[in-house]
Amino acid sequence: MTLRFGTDVSTAETQYGTVLLDQRTGDYWELNPTGALVVRTLMDDGDEAAAVTALVAQFAIDRDRAERDVTALVSDLRNAGLLS
């Protein structure tokens, strides 16, 4: 699944991760480096499996944990109405 944010969502890379701003509400989310990697992988036409593989390769976490984290982040973004 390619991740696409709504037109009212701005993203900015920082030295600490990624910041998402919902311009409709003024709410923002700060993603840590692992969250930023997941979002970047999904936005670059990767799927959730590719995001899991990227997490396992770059950070010292096991595959089960990475799968739970990716699923939770995508669910949170969807529930917040940030995805188009």
N, C-alpha and C. Protein backbone atom coordinates (compact mmCIF):
# COMPACT_ATOMS: atom_id res chain seq x y z
N MET A 1 0.84 -1.18 0.00
CA MET A 1 0.00 0.00 0.00
C MET A 1 0.88 1.24 0.00
N THR A 2 0.75 2.06 -0.98
CA THR A 2 1.45 3.33 -1.01
C THR A 2 0.72 4.30 -0.10
N LEU A 3 1.47 4.95 0.76
CA LEU A 3 0.90 5.90 1.71
C LEU A 3 0.79 7.27 1.05
N ARG A 4 -0.39 7.84 1.12
CA ARG A 4 -0.61 9.19 0.60
C ARG A 4 -1.34 9.99 1.66
N PHE A 5 -0.78 11.12 2.01
CA PHE A 5 -1.43 11.99 2.97
C PHE A 5 -2.45 12.86 2.26
N GLY A 6 -3.45 13.32 3.00
CA GLY A 6 -4.43 14.22 2.45
C GLY A 6 -3.78 15.52 2.03
N THR A 7 -4.46 16.30 1.20
CA THR A 7 -3.89 17.55 0.69
C THR A 7 -3.67 18.57 1.79
N ASP A 8 -4.34 18.41 2.93
CA ASP A 8 -4.20 19.35 4.05
C ASP A 8 -3.15 18.91 5.06
N VAL A 9 -2.34 17.92 4.70
CA VAL A 9 -1.31 17.42 5.61
C VAL A 9 0.05 17.78 5.04
N SER A 10 0.83 18.49 5.85
CA SER A 10 2.20 18.85 5.47
C SER A 10 3.17 17.95 6.22
N THR A 11 4.27 17.63 5.58
CA THR A 11 5.32 16.84 6.23
C THR A 11 6.63 17.61 6.18
N ALA A 12 7.42 17.44 7.20
CA ALA A 12 8.74 18.06 7.24
C ALA A 12 9.71 17.11 7.93
N GLU A 13 10.83 16.88 7.28
CA GLU A 13 11.89 16.07 7.88
C GLU A 13 12.67 16.96 8.84
N THR A 14 13.01 16.42 10.00
CA THR A 14 13.85 17.13 10.96
C THR A 14 15.02 16.23 11.32
N GLN A 15 15.92 16.73 12.10
CA GLN A 15 17.04 15.89 12.52
C GLN A 15 16.60 14.81 13.49
N TYR A 16 15.39 14.92 14.02
CA TYR A 16 14.87 13.96 14.99
C TYR A 16 13.83 13.01 14.41
N GLY A 17 13.45 13.18 13.17
CA GLY A 17 12.42 12.34 12.56
C GLY A 17 11.62 13.12 11.55
N THR A 18 10.30 12.99 11.62
CA THR A 18 9.39 13.67 10.70
C THR A 18 8.25 14.30 11.49
N VAL A 19 7.84 15.48 11.07
CA VAL A 19 6.70 16.16 11.68
C VAL A 19 5.58 16.20 10.64
N LEU A 20 4.38 15.85 11.08
CA LEU A 20 3.18 15.92 10.25
C LEU A 20 2.28 17.01 10.81
N LEU A 21 1.75 17.87 9.97
CA LEU A 21 0.84 18.93 10.39
C LEU A 21 -0.47 18.79 9.64
N ASP A 22 -1.55 18.66 10.39
CA ASP A 22 -2.90 18.66 9.82
C ASP A 22 -3.36 20.11 9.79
N GLN A 23 -3.35 20.72 8.60
CA GLN A 23 -3.67 22.14 8.47
C GLN A 23 -5.13 22.45 8.75
N ARG A 24 -5.99 21.42 8.70
CA ARG A 24 -7.40 21.64 9.00
C ARG A 24 -7.62 21.92 10.48
N THR A 25 -6.86 21.22 11.32
CA THR A 25 -7.09 21.30 12.77
C THR A 25 -5.96 21.98 13.53
N GLY A 26 -4.79 22.08 12.91
CA GLY A 26 -3.62 22.61 13.60
C GLY A 26 -2.90 21.56 14.42
N ASP A 27 -3.40 20.32 14.41
CA ASP A 27 -2.76 19.24 15.15
C ASP A 27 -1.49 18.81 14.42
N TYR A 28 -0.49 18.42 15.19
CA TYR A 28 0.71 17.90 14.57
C TYR A 28 1.19 16.66 15.30
N TRP A 29 1.93 15.85 14.58
CA TRP A 29 2.49 14.62 15.10
C TRP A 29 3.98 14.65 14.83
N GLU A 30 4.75 14.29 15.84
CA GLU A 30 6.19 14.18 15.66
C GLU A 30 6.55 12.69 15.66
N LEU A 31 7.07 12.22 14.54
CA LEU A 31 7.45 10.83 14.41
C LEU A 31 8.93 10.67 14.71
N ASN A 32 9.26 9.69 15.54
CA ASN A 32 10.66 9.41 15.84
C ASN A 32 11.31 8.79 14.60
N PRO A 33 12.61 8.52 14.66
CA PRO A 33 13.29 7.97 13.48
C PRO A 33 12.67 6.68 12.94
N THR A 34 12.16 5.82 13.80
CA THR A 34 11.55 4.59 13.29
C THR A 34 10.24 4.89 12.57
N GLY A 35 9.43 5.77 13.14
CA GLY A 35 8.19 6.18 12.48
C GLY A 35 8.47 6.88 11.16
N ALA A 36 9.49 7.72 11.15
CA ALA A 36 9.86 8.43 9.93
C ALA A 36 10.28 7.45 8.84
N LEU A 37 11.03 6.41 9.21
CA LEU A 37 11.45 5.41 8.24
C LEU A 37 10.24 4.66 7.66
N VAL A 38 9.30 4.33 8.51
CA VAL A 38 8.08 3.65 8.04
C VAL A 38 7.34 4.54 7.04
N VAL A 39 7.10 5.79 7.40
CA VAL A 39 6.37 6.71 6.52
C VAL A 39 7.11 6.91 5.21
N ARG A 40 8.41 7.12 5.29
CA ARG A 40 9.21 7.34 4.08
C ARG A 40 9.14 6.11 3.17
N THR A 41 9.25 4.92 3.74
CA THR A 41 9.18 3.69 2.95
C THR A 41 7.82 3.55 2.27
N LEU A 42 6.76 3.81 3.02
CA LEU A 42 5.41 3.70 2.46
C LEU A 42 5.13 4.77 1.41
N MET A 43 5.66 5.96 1.60
CA MET A 43 5.45 7.04 0.64
C MET A 43 6.23 6.79 -0.65
N ASP A 44 7.31 6.04 -0.56
CA ASP A 44 8.15 5.74 -1.73
C ASP A 44 7.68 4.48 -2.43
N ASP A 45 6.37 4.24 -2.40
CA ASP A 45 5.75 3.10 -3.08
C ASP A 45 6.07 1.75 -2.46
N GLY A 46 6.51 1.77 -1.22
CA GLY A 46 6.72 0.51 -0.52
C GLY A 46 5.42 0.07 0.12
N ASP A 47 5.37 -1.18 0.49
CA ASP A 47 4.20 -1.67 1.21
C ASP A 47 4.59 -1.89 2.67
N GLU A 48 3.64 -2.36 3.46
CA GLU A 48 3.91 -2.55 4.89
C GLU A 48 5.02 -3.57 5.11
N ALA A 49 5.08 -4.60 4.28
CA ALA A 49 6.15 -5.59 4.41
C ALA A 49 7.52 -4.96 4.17
N ALA A 50 7.61 -4.05 3.21
CA ALA A 50 8.87 -3.34 2.94
C ALA A 50 9.25 -2.46 4.12
N ALA A 51 8.27 -1.84 4.76
CA ALA A 51 8.54 -1.01 5.93
C ALA A 51 9.04 -1.86 7.09
N VAL A 52 8.46 -3.03 7.27
CA VAL A 52 8.92 -3.95 8.32
C VAL A 52 10.37 -4.35 8.05
N THR A 53 10.67 -4.72 6.82
CA THR A 53 12.03 -5.12 6.46
C THR A 53 13.01 -3.98 6.69
N ALA A 54 12.62 -2.76 6.36
CA ALA A 54 13.49 -1.60 6.57
C ALA A 54 13.76 -1.38 8.06
N LEU A 55 12.73 -1.54 8.89
CA LEU A 55 12.92 -1.37 10.33
C LEU A 55 13.88 -2.41 10.89
N VAL A 56 13.68 -3.66 10.50
CA VAL A 56 14.53 -4.75 11.01
C VAL A 56 15.98 -4.52 10.57
N ALA A 57 16.17 -4.05 9.34
CA ALA A 57 17.52 -3.84 8.81
C ALA A 57 18.23 -2.68 9.48
N GLN A 58 17.49 -1.63 9.83
CA GLN A 58 18.13 -0.42 10.32
C GLN A 58 18.18 -0.32 11.85
N PHE A 59 17.24 -0.96 12.53
CA PHE A 59 17.16 -0.86 13.98
C PHE A 59 17.23 -2.25 14.60
N ALA A 60 17.67 -2.32 15.80
CA ALA A 60 17.83 -3.61 16.50
C ALA A 60 16.50 -4.07 17.10
N ILE A 61 15.54 -4.41 16.23
CA ILE A 61 14.26 -4.94 16.69
C ILE A 61 13.93 -6.19 15.90
N ASP A 62 13.14 -7.06 16.53
CA ASP A 62 12.77 -8.29 15.82
C ASP A 62 11.59 -8.04 14.89
N ARG A 63 11.38 -8.97 13.99
CA ARG A 63 10.37 -8.83 12.94
C ARG A 63 8.96 -8.70 13.52
N ASP A 64 8.62 -9.48 14.55
CA ASP A 64 7.29 -9.40 15.14
C ASP A 64 7.00 -8.02 15.69
N ARG A 65 7.98 -7.46 16.38
CA ARG A 65 7.82 -6.11 16.94
C ARG A 65 7.67 -5.08 15.82
N ALA A 66 8.48 -5.23 14.77
CA ALA A 66 8.41 -4.30 13.64
C ALA A 66 7.04 -4.37 12.97
N GLU A 67 6.50 -5.57 12.80
CA GLU A 67 5.17 -5.72 12.19
C GLU A 67 4.11 -5.04 13.04
N ARG A 68 4.16 -5.21 14.34
CA ARG A 68 3.18 -4.55 15.23
C ARG A 68 3.31 -3.04 15.14
N ASP A 69 4.54 -2.54 15.13
CA ASP A 69 4.77 -1.10 15.08
C ASP A 69 4.26 -0.49 13.78
N VAL A 70 4.53 -1.13 12.66
CA VAL A 70 4.07 -0.63 11.36
C VAL A 70 2.55 -0.62 11.31
N THR A 71 1.93 -1.72 11.72
CA THR A 71 0.48 -1.81 11.72
C THR A 71 -0.14 -0.73 12.61
N ALA A 72 0.44 -0.52 13.79
CA ALA A 72 -0.09 0.48 14.72
C ALA A 72 0.04 1.89 14.15
N LEU A 73 1.18 2.21 13.56
CA LEU A 73 1.38 3.55 13.01
C LEU A 73 0.42 3.83 11.86
N VAL A 74 0.29 2.89 10.94
CA VAL A 74 -0.63 3.09 9.81
C VAL A 74 -2.06 3.24 10.32
N SER A 75 -2.44 2.44 11.30
CA SER A 75 -3.77 2.54 11.89
C SER A 75 -3.99 3.90 12.54
N ASP A 76 -3.00 4.37 13.29
CA ASP A 76 -3.11 5.68 13.94
C ASP A 76 -3.25 6.81 12.92
N LEU A 77 -2.48 6.76 11.85
CA LEU A 77 -2.56 7.78 10.81
C LEU A 77 -3.92 7.76 10.12
N ARG A 78 -4.41 6.56 9.87
CA ARG A 78 -5.72 6.41 9.24
C ARG A 78 -6.82 6.94 10.17
N ASN A 79 -6.78 6.54 11.44
CA ASN A 79 -7.80 6.97 12.41
C ASN A 79 -7.77 8.48 12.64
N ALA A 80 -6.61 9.09 12.48
CA ALA A 80 -6.49 10.55 12.65
C ALA A 80 -6.99 11.30 11.42
N GLY A 81 -7.33 10.56 10.35
CA GLY A 81 -7.83 11.20 9.14
C GLY A 81 -6.75 11.85 8.29
N LEU A 82 -5.51 11.41 8.47
CA LEU A 82 -4.41 12.02 7.73
C LEU A 82 -4.18 11.42 6.36
N LEU A 83 -4.70 10.22 6.14
CA LEU A 83 -4.46 9.54 4.86
C LEU A 83 -5.59 9.80 3.88
N SER A 84 -5.22 9.92 2.62
CA SER A 84 -6.25 10.14 1.60
C SER A 84 -6.65 8.83 0.97
